[in-house]
Amino acid sequence: MEILIVTLASLFAGLVDSIVGGGGLILIPALFATFPTAAPATLVGTNKSAAIWGTAFSTYQFSKKVEMRWAALFPAAAAGLLGSVCGAWTVTQVDPSFLRKGLPFLLLGLLIYTVAKREMGQLHQPRFQGRREALIAALFGLLIGFYDGFFGPGAGSFFVFAYVRLLGYDFLNASASAKLLNTATNFSALALFTWQGHVWWHLAVPMALANVIGSLIGTRLALRHGAGFVRYVFLAVVSALILKTAYDGFFR
């Protein structure tokens, strides 16, 4: 029964994650509720073992239908991987709990800005080309990757927002590009958790398969309905993140 519960949760997490990120809002609470006595690191590591496959397959699906600016994406993904490793190491030296109370307000600001700028992310008009785009993408890949390794909640949404606001992408193209960066940061985190023995592989395999199926469904929905649909899902996910992080920061 436990495997069935977390596998279904992984499917829905993959669906949401493939559209705009935030699948961890579904899968991580499901893992903690199903296995309340397990070590938190093991549950987070097991979550990563499923999520990486969903984001990887979603990246591939998007690449067949959406223009992927690989010359800027690969440096950003490499920087995200490096930042995530540095963030994961830093969390062994510094307690990240000081971020808990500030994060809901940061996300609220992001939500208000996106709602106020109704035209933002509706048209795909990249602002930069060549090395300049690669440099800017690598810079926020490094910073958000570090945050993902150090603390984590909302990293996928921050990637999408950065592509929309800083680089001029629409929400569909931003989500597609963010998937590769998410895959890179998930890989570095999974490597660390695997090295430390914090992955339940007997759960990882069925969860990964379900996550891939969910990601394929979510990617098709995003491609079919376009940037406007992705924007609404983005707003819904950020709203859920605000509630979750506010609860964690002020009521737990």
Protein backbone atom coordinates (compact mmCIF):
# COMPACT_ATOMS: atom_id res chain seq x y z
CA MET A 1 0.00 0.00 0.00
CA GLU A 2 2.85 2.40 0.83
CA ILE A 3 4.44 1.88 -2.58
CA LEU A 4 1.09 2.55 -4.29
CA ILE A 5 0.55 5.80 -2.38
CA VAL A 6 3.98 7.28 -3.10
CA THR A 7 3.90 6.07 -6.72
CA LEU A 8 0.61 7.87 -7.36
CA ALA A 9 1.99 10.95 -5.61
CA SER A 10 5.06 10.75 -7.85
CA LEU A 11 2.85 10.66 -10.95
CA PHE A 12 1.00 13.83 -9.96
CA ALA A 13 4.28 15.46 -8.88
CA GLY A 14 5.77 14.74 -12.29
CA LEU A 15 2.74 16.27 -13.99
CA VAL A 16 2.96 19.53 -12.02
CA ASP A 17 6.77 19.64 -12.15
CA SER A 18 6.86 19.28 -15.93
CA ILE A 19 4.61 22.30 -16.42
CA VAL A 20 6.26 24.82 -14.12
CA GLY A 21 8.11 23.08 -11.26
CA GLY A 22 6.91 22.54 -7.71
CA GLY A 23 6.40 18.78 -7.81
CA GLY A 24 8.13 18.51 -4.46
CA LEU A 25 5.05 20.17 -2.91
CA ILE A 26 3.20 16.93 -3.67
CA LEU A 27 5.76 14.15 -3.38
CA ILE A 28 7.79 15.19 -0.33
CA PRO A 29 4.74 15.59 1.99
CA ALA A 30 3.44 12.24 0.68
CA LEU A 31 6.74 10.55 1.55
CA PHE A 32 6.86 12.10 5.02
CA ALA A 33 3.23 11.18 5.72
CA THR A 34 3.71 7.60 4.51
CA PHE A 35 7.03 7.00 6.28
CA PRO A 36 6.90 9.27 9.37
CA THR A 37 9.76 7.50 11.18
CA ALA A 38 12.23 7.55 8.27
CA ALA A 39 15.25 9.86 8.21
CA PRO A 40 14.36 13.12 6.42
CA ALA A 41 17.51 12.94 4.28
CA THR A 42 16.45 9.50 3.01
CA LEU A 43 13.01 10.74 2.00
CA VAL A 44 14.43 13.83 0.28
CA GLY A 45 17.02 11.67 -1.50
CA THR A 46 14.34 9.24 -2.64
CA ASN A 47 12.28 12.17 -3.93
CA LYS A 48 15.27 13.32 -6.00
CA SER A 49 15.74 9.81 -7.41
CA ALA A 50 12.27 10.06 -8.97
CA ALA A 51 12.18 13.76 -9.85
CA ILE A 52 15.35 13.72 -11.94
CA TRP A 53 13.83 11.29 -14.43
CA GLY A 54 10.67 13.34 -14.82
CA THR A 55 12.57 16.58 -15.45
CA ALA A 56 14.97 14.84 -17.87
CA PHE A 57 12.16 13.35 -19.95
CA SER A 58 10.25 16.62 -19.84
CA THR A 59 13.33 18.43 -21.18
CA TYR A 60 13.51 15.96 -24.06
CA GLN A 61 9.78 16.33 -24.86
CA PHE A 62 9.98 20.13 -24.82
CA SER A 63 13.10 20.09 -27.02
CA LYS A 64 11.13 18.47 -29.85
CA LYS A 65 8.52 21.25 -29.94
CA VAL A 66 10.14 24.35 -28.42
CA GLU A 67 13.25 26.27 -29.48
CA MET A 68 15.93 25.37 -26.94
CA ARG A 69 18.77 27.89 -26.93
CA TRP A 70 21.44 25.30 -26.15
CA ALA A 71 24.38 27.72 -26.39
CA ALA A 72 23.00 29.54 -23.33
CA LEU A 73 21.38 26.52 -21.67
CA PHE A 74 24.44 24.31 -21.30
CA PRO A 75 26.54 26.93 -19.43
CA ALA A 76 23.53 27.68 -17.21
CA ALA A 77 23.01 23.98 -16.46
CA ALA A 78 26.72 23.50 -15.67
CA ALA A 79 26.63 26.56 -13.39
CA GLY A 80 23.45 25.24 -11.74
CA LEU A 81 25.11 21.88 -11.07
CA LEU A 82 28.17 23.59 -9.58
CA GLY A 83 26.01 25.93 -7.48
CA SER A 84 23.92 23.04 -6.18
CA VAL A 85 27.03 21.12 -5.09
CA CYS A 86 28.38 24.22 -3.33
CA GLY A 87 25.02 24.81 -1.67
CA ALA A 88 24.81 21.20 -0.49
CA TRP A 89 28.30 21.47 1.01
CA THR A 90 27.45 24.82 2.65
CA VAL A 91 24.39 23.35 4.35
CA THR A 92 26.76 20.98 6.20
CA GLN A 93 28.50 24.06 7.62
CA VAL A 94 25.66 26.58 8.06
CA ASP A 95 22.11 26.05 9.33
CA PRO A 96 19.70 27.23 6.57
CA SER A 97 16.77 27.68 8.95
CA PHE A 98 17.28 31.47 8.96
CA LEU A 99 15.74 31.49 5.46
CA ARG A 100 12.44 29.96 6.57
CA LYS A 101 10.79 33.18 7.70
CA GLY A 102 11.99 35.31 4.79
CA LEU A 103 11.14 32.95 1.94
CA PRO A 104 7.31 33.40 2.04
CA PHE A 105 7.72 37.17 1.66
CA LEU A 106 10.13 36.75 -1.26
CA LEU A 107 7.69 34.42 -2.98
CA LEU A 108 4.81 36.82 -2.25
CA GLY A 109 6.74 39.62 -3.92
CA LEU A 110 7.33 37.39 -6.94
CA LEU A 111 3.61 36.53 -7.09
CA ILE A 112 2.46 40.15 -6.83
CA TYR A 113 4.92 41.26 -9.50
CA THR A 114 3.80 38.51 -11.90
CA VAL A 115 0.11 39.30 -11.37
CA ALA A 116 0.70 43.04 -11.81
CA LYS A 117 2.70 42.55 -15.02
CA ARG A 118 -0.04 40.74 -16.94
CA GLU A 119 1.82 41.05 -20.23
CA MET A 120 5.03 39.56 -18.83
CA GLY A 121 5.79 36.13 -20.24
CA GLN A 122 3.06 36.20 -22.87
CA LEU A 123 5.40 36.83 -25.82
CA HIS A 124 8.69 35.09 -26.50
CA GLN A 125 11.15 37.92 -27.17
CA PRO A 126 14.65 36.99 -25.91
CA ARG A 127 16.48 40.17 -24.91
CA PHE A 128 20.04 38.92 -25.39
CA GLN A 129 22.06 36.85 -27.82
CA GLY A 130 25.26 34.81 -27.81
CA ARG A 131 27.75 35.15 -24.99
CA ARG A 132 25.76 37.80 -23.13
CA GLU A 133 22.71 35.55 -22.84
CA ALA A 134 24.93 32.61 -21.82
CA LEU A 135 26.65 34.71 -19.14
CA ILE A 136 23.41 36.00 -17.62
CA ALA A 137 21.82 32.52 -17.70
CA ALA A 138 24.93 31.00 -16.10
CA LEU A 139 24.91 33.64 -13.37
CA PHE A 140 21.35 32.99 -12.24
CA GLY A 141 21.91 29.25 -12.78
CA LEU A 142 24.77 29.44 -10.29
CA LEU A 143 22.83 31.50 -7.75
CA ILE A 144 19.56 29.57 -7.90
CA GLY A 145 21.48 26.28 -8.08
CA PHE A 146 23.28 27.25 -4.87
CA TYR A 147 19.94 28.05 -3.25
CA ASP A 148 18.52 24.72 -4.44
CA GLY A 149 21.38 22.81 -2.86
CA PHE A 150 21.37 24.91 0.31
CA PHE A 151 17.64 25.19 1.00
CA GLY A 152 15.50 24.27 -1.99
CA PRO A 153 11.79 25.22 -1.89
CA GLY A 154 10.69 27.18 -4.94
CA ALA A 155 13.90 26.73 -6.97
CA GLY A 156 11.99 25.64 -10.08
CA SER A 157 9.72 28.68 -9.86
CA PHE A 158 12.73 30.97 -9.43
CA PHE A 159 14.30 29.48 -12.57
CA VAL A 160 11.11 30.10 -14.58
CA PHE A 161 10.74 33.66 -13.25
CA ALA A 162 14.40 34.44 -14.06
CA TYR A 163 14.00 33.30 -17.66
CA VAL A 164 10.81 35.33 -18.07
CA ARG A 165 11.88 38.52 -16.30
CA LEU A 166 15.60 38.67 -17.09
CA LEU A 167 15.86 37.03 -20.49
CA GLY A 168 12.47 37.92 -22.03
CA TYR A 169 11.18 34.38 -22.56
CA ASP A 170 7.49 33.53 -22.54
CA PHE A 171 6.29 31.15 -19.83
CA LEU A 172 6.30 28.11 -22.10
CA ASN A 173 9.89 28.59 -23.28
CA ALA A 174 10.99 29.56 -19.78
CA SER A 175 9.50 26.38 -18.34
CA ALA A 176 11.17 24.29 -21.05
CA SER A 177 14.57 25.86 -20.35
CA ALA A 178 14.16 25.60 -16.59
CA LYS A 179 13.70 21.83 -16.91
CA LEU A 180 17.31 21.33 -18.00
CA LEU A 181 18.57 23.41 -15.08
CA ASN A 182 16.32 21.45 -12.70
CA THR A 183 17.74 18.22 -14.08
CA ALA A 184 21.28 19.44 -13.41
CA THR A 185 20.57 20.52 -9.83
CA ASN A 186 18.63 17.31 -9.14
CA PHE A 187 21.58 15.28 -10.44
CA SER A 188 24.09 16.89 -8.11
CA ALA A 189 21.76 16.49 -5.13
CA LEU A 190 21.01 12.87 -6.02
CA ALA A 191 24.72 12.10 -6.35
CA LEU A 192 25.30 13.48 -2.86
CA PHE A 193 22.38 11.58 -1.31
CA THR A 194 23.43 8.35 -3.07
CA TRP A 195 27.00 8.72 -1.81
CA GLN A 196 25.65 9.13 1.74
CA GLY A 197 23.30 6.13 1.37
CA HIS A 198 20.10 8.21 1.58
CA VAL A 199 18.09 6.67 -1.29
CA TRP A 200 15.55 3.86 -1.06
CA TRP A 201 16.05 2.24 -4.44
CA HIS A 202 13.15 -0.19 -4.03
CA LEU A 203 10.87 2.88 -4.07
CA ALA A 204 12.95 4.89 -6.51
CA VAL A 205 12.25 2.65 -9.53
CA PRO A 206 8.40 2.64 -9.47
CA MET A 207 8.35 6.30 -8.42
CA ALA A 208 10.66 7.23 -11.29
CA LEU A 209 8.46 5.42 -13.83
CA ALA A 210 5.36 7.17 -12.47
CA ASN A 211 7.14 10.52 -12.47
CA VAL A 212 8.07 10.10 -16.13
CA ILE A 213 4.46 9.26 -17.05
CA GLY A 214 3.25 12.33 -15.17
CA SER A 215 5.88 14.50 -16.85
CA LEU A 216 4.82 13.31 -20.29
CA ILE A 217 1.19 14.22 -19.53
CA GLY A 218 2.14 17.61 -18.09
CA THR A 219 4.47 18.46 -20.98
CA ARG A 220 1.73 17.71 -23.52
CA LEU A 221 -0.72 19.91 -21.60
CA ALA A 222 1.79 22.77 -21.56
CA LEU A 223 2.57 22.43 -25.27
CA ARG A 224 -1.12 22.18 -26.18
CA HIS A 225 -2.32 25.17 -24.17
CA GLY A 226 0.73 27.43 -24.41
CA ALA A 227 2.25 30.25 -22.36
CA GLY A 228 -1.02 31.49 -20.85
CA PHE A 229 -1.76 28.09 -19.34
CA VAL A 230 1.77 27.78 -17.96
CA ARG A 231 1.45 31.25 -16.41
CA TYR A 232 -1.70 30.26 -14.51
CA VAL A 233 -0.08 27.06 -13.26
CA PHE A 234 2.97 29.10 -12.24
CA LEU A 235 0.77 31.45 -10.19
CA ALA A 236 -1.00 28.47 -8.56
CA VAL A 237 2.27 26.76 -7.66
CA VAL A 238 3.82 29.94 -6.24
CA SER A 239 0.65 30.54 -4.18
CA ALA A 240 0.90 27.00 -2.79
CA LEU A 241 4.58 27.56 -2.04
CA ILE A 242 3.76 30.74 -0.11
CA LEU A 243 1.26 28.86 2.07
CA LYS A 244 3.63 25.93 2.60
CA THR A 245 6.71 28.00 3.41
CA ALA A 246 4.71 30.36 5.66
CA TYR A 247 3.41 27.38 7.60
CA ASP A 248 6.90 25.89 7.90
CA GLY A 249 8.44 29.21 8.90
CA PHE A 250 5.90 30.48 11.43
CA PHE A 251 3.74 27.61 12.68
CA ARG A 252 5.99 24.55 12.95
